[in-house]
C-alpha atoms as a PDB file:
ATOM      1  CA  UNK A   1       0.000   0.000   0.000  1.00  0.00           C
ATOM      2  CA  UNK A   2       2.913   2.292   0.660  1.00  0.00           C
ATOM      3  CA  UNK A   3       3.881   2.169  -3.023  1.00  0.00           C
ATOM      4  CA  UNK A   4       0.366   3.131  -4.111  1.00  0.00           C
ATOM      5  CA  UNK A   5       0.557   6.222  -1.917  1.00  0.00           C
ATOM      6  CA  UNK A   6       3.986   7.052  -3.315  1.00  0.00           C
ATOM      7  CA  UNK A   7       2.675   6.601  -6.860  1.00  0.00           C
ATOM      8  CA  UNK A   8      -0.319   8.791  -6.063  1.00  0.00           C
ATOM      9  CA  UNK A   9       1.886  11.559  -4.657  1.00  0.00           C
ATOM     10  CA  UNK A  10       4.219  11.334  -7.632  1.00  0.00           C
ATOM     11  CA  UNK A  11       1.333  11.528 -10.111  1.00  0.00           C
ATOM     12  CA  UNK A  12      -0.240  14.354  -8.116  1.00  0.00           C
ATOM     13  CA  UNK A  13       3.040  16.294  -8.070  1.00  0.00           C
ATOM     14  CA  UNK A  14       3.419  15.771 -11.832  1.00  0.00           C
ATOM     15  CA  UNK A  15      -0.172  16.890 -12.336  1.00  0.00           C
ATOM     16  CA  UNK A  16       0.510  20.096 -10.386  1.00  0.00           C
ATOM     17  CA  UNK A  17       3.585  20.768 -12.503  1.00  0.00           C
ATOM     18  CA  UNK A  18       1.553  20.248 -15.679  1.00  0.00           C
ATOM     19  CA  UNK A  19      -1.140  22.621 -14.408  1.00  0.00           C
ATOM     20  CA  UNK A  20       1.534  25.247 -13.744  1.00  0.00           C
ATOM     21  CA  UNK A  21       2.956  24.761 -17.231  1.00  0.00           C
ATOM     22  CA  UNK A  22      -0.523  25.042 -18.752  1.00  0.00           C
ATOM     23  CA  UNK A  23      -1.167  28.202 -16.784  1.00  0.00           C
ATOM     24  CA  UNK A  24       2.095  29.708 -18.031  1.00  0.00           C
ATOM     25  CA  UNK A  25       1.279  28.682 -21.596  1.00  0.00           C
ATOM     26  CA  UNK A  26      -2.124  30.372 -21.327  1.00  0.00           C
ATOM     27  CA  UNK A  27      -0.423  33.569 -20.120  1.00  0.00           C
ATOM     28  CA  UNK A  28       2.026  33.344 -23.014  1.00  0.00           C
ATOM     29  CA  UNK A  29      -0.836  32.845 -25.473  1.00  0.00           C
ATOM     30  CA  UNK A  30      -2.641  35.931 -24.156  1.00  0.00           C
ATOM     31  CA  UNK A  31       0.551  37.954 -24.414  1.00  0.00           C
ATOM     32  CA  UNK A  32       1.201  36.681 -27.950  1.00  0.00           C
ATOM     33  CA  UNK A  33      -2.358  37.544 -28.981  1.00  0.00           C
ATOM     34  CA  UNK A  34      -1.960  41.028 -27.527  1.00  0.00           C
ATOM     35  CA  UNK A  35       1.356  41.437 -29.381  1.00  0.00           C
ATOM     36  CA  UNK A  36      -0.236  40.172 -32.598  1.00  0.00           C
ATOM     37  CA  UNK A  37      -3.036  42.719 -32.331  1.00  0.00           C
ATOM     38  CA  UNK A  38      -0.546  45.516 -31.661  1.00  0.00           C
ATOM     39  CA  UNK A  39       1.570  44.466 -34.651  1.00  0.00           C
ATOM     40  CA  UNK A  40      -1.516  44.368 -36.870  1.00  0.00           C
ATOM     41  CA  UNK A  41      -2.438  47.896 -35.723  1.00  0.00           C
ATOM     42  CA  UNK A  42       1.084  49.162 -36.377  1.00  0.00           C
ATOM     43  CA  UNK A  43       1.075  47.440 -39.787  1.00  0.00           C
ATOM     44  CA  UNK A  44      -2.132  49.255 -40.726  1.00  0.00           C
ATOM     45  CA  UNK A  45      -0.550  52.571 -39.731  1.00  0.00           C
ATOM     46  CA  UNK A  46       2.574  51.802 -41.766  1.00  0.00           C
ATOM     47  CA  UNK A  47       0.526  50.818 -44.812  1.00  0.00           C
ATOM     48  CA  UNK A  48      -1.397  54.083 -44.540  1.00  0.00           C
ATOM     49  CA  UNK A  49       1.831  56.083 -44.211  1.00  0.00           C
ATOM     50  CA  UNK A  50       3.295  54.216 -47.201  1.00  0.00           C
ATOM     51  CA  UNK A  51       0.284  55.127 -49.334  1.00  0.00           C
ATOM     52  CA  UNK A  52       0.549  58.782 -48.278  1.00  0.00           C
ATOM     53  CA  UNK A  53       4.261  58.776 -49.120  1.00  0.00           C
ATOM     54  CA  UNK A  54       3.609  57.188 -52.517  1.00  0.00           C
ATOM     55  CA  UNK A  55       0.949  59.831 -53.249  1.00  0.00           C
ATOM     56  CA  UNK A  56       3.389  62.612 -52.306  1.00  0.00           C
ATOM     57  CA  UNK A  57       6.087  61.030 -54.464  1.00  0.00           C
ATOM     58  CA  UNK A  58       3.693  60.832 -57.397  1.00  0.00           C
ATOM     59  CA  UNK A  59       2.771  64.491 -56.913  1.00  0.00           C
ATOM     60  CA  UNK A  60       6.444  65.453 -56.799  1.00  0.00           C
ATOM     61  CA  UNK A  61       7.139  63.463 -59.972  1.00  0.00           C
ATOM     62  CA  UNK A  62       4.312  65.283 -61.714  1.00  0.00           C
ATOM     63  CA  UNK A  63       5.663  68.636 -60.535  1.00  0.00           C
ATOM     64  CA  UNK A  64       9.112  67.666 -61.777  1.00  0.00           C
ATOM     65  CA  UNK A  65       7.682  66.715 -65.171  1.00  0.00           C
ATOM     66  CA  UNK A  66       5.865  70.060 -65.324  1.00  0.00           C
ATOM     67  CA  UNK A  67       9.079  71.919 -64.468  1.00  0.00           C
ATOM     68  CA  UNK A  68      10.986  69.984 -67.136  1.00  0.00           C
ATOM     69  CA  UNK A  69       8.313  70.849 -69.710  1.00  0.00           C
ATOM     70  CA  UNK A  70       8.438  74.488 -68.639  1.00  0.00           C
ATOM     71  CA  UNK A  71      12.230  74.542 -68.913  1.00  0.00           C
ATOM     72  CA  UNK A  72      12.075  72.984 -72.404  1.00  0.00           C
ATOM     73  CA  UNK A  73       9.543  75.580 -73.454  1.00  0.00           C
ATOM     74  CA  UNK A  74      11.687  78.408 -72.035  1.00  0.00           C
ATOM     75  CA  UNK A  75      14.751  76.960 -73.750  1.00  0.00           C
ATOM     76  CA  UNK A  76      12.893  76.878 -77.098  1.00  0.00           C
ATOM     77  CA  UNK A  77      11.770  80.493 -76.587  1.00  0.00           C
ATOM     78  CA  UNK A  78      15.286  81.535 -75.686  1.00  0.00           C
ATOM     79  CA  UNK A  79      16.755  79.783 -78.733  1.00  0.00           C
ATOM     80  CA  UNK A  80      14.135  81.276 -81.038  1.00  0.00           C
ATOM     81  CA  UNK A  81      14.880  84.787 -79.716  1.00  0.00           C
ATOM     82  CA  UNK A  82      18.513  84.394 -80.623  1.00  0.00           C
END
């Protein structure tokens, strides 16, 4: 009977350890989920900023093209005046 009690205590101790591990894993899962949500939020912000930057770059490219056209036109006028 003494061995049954020892076995019971050993199994019970192992069970307690497993419960502690499960509890820690649940905490880790909650933390990971919170981190995932934060990363998704930050990703949305970065995507939005990227789109704004691309729009600004496109606007600047258009302005540059307009300036180049203006300079070509001024150069033609200057050459025709000579």
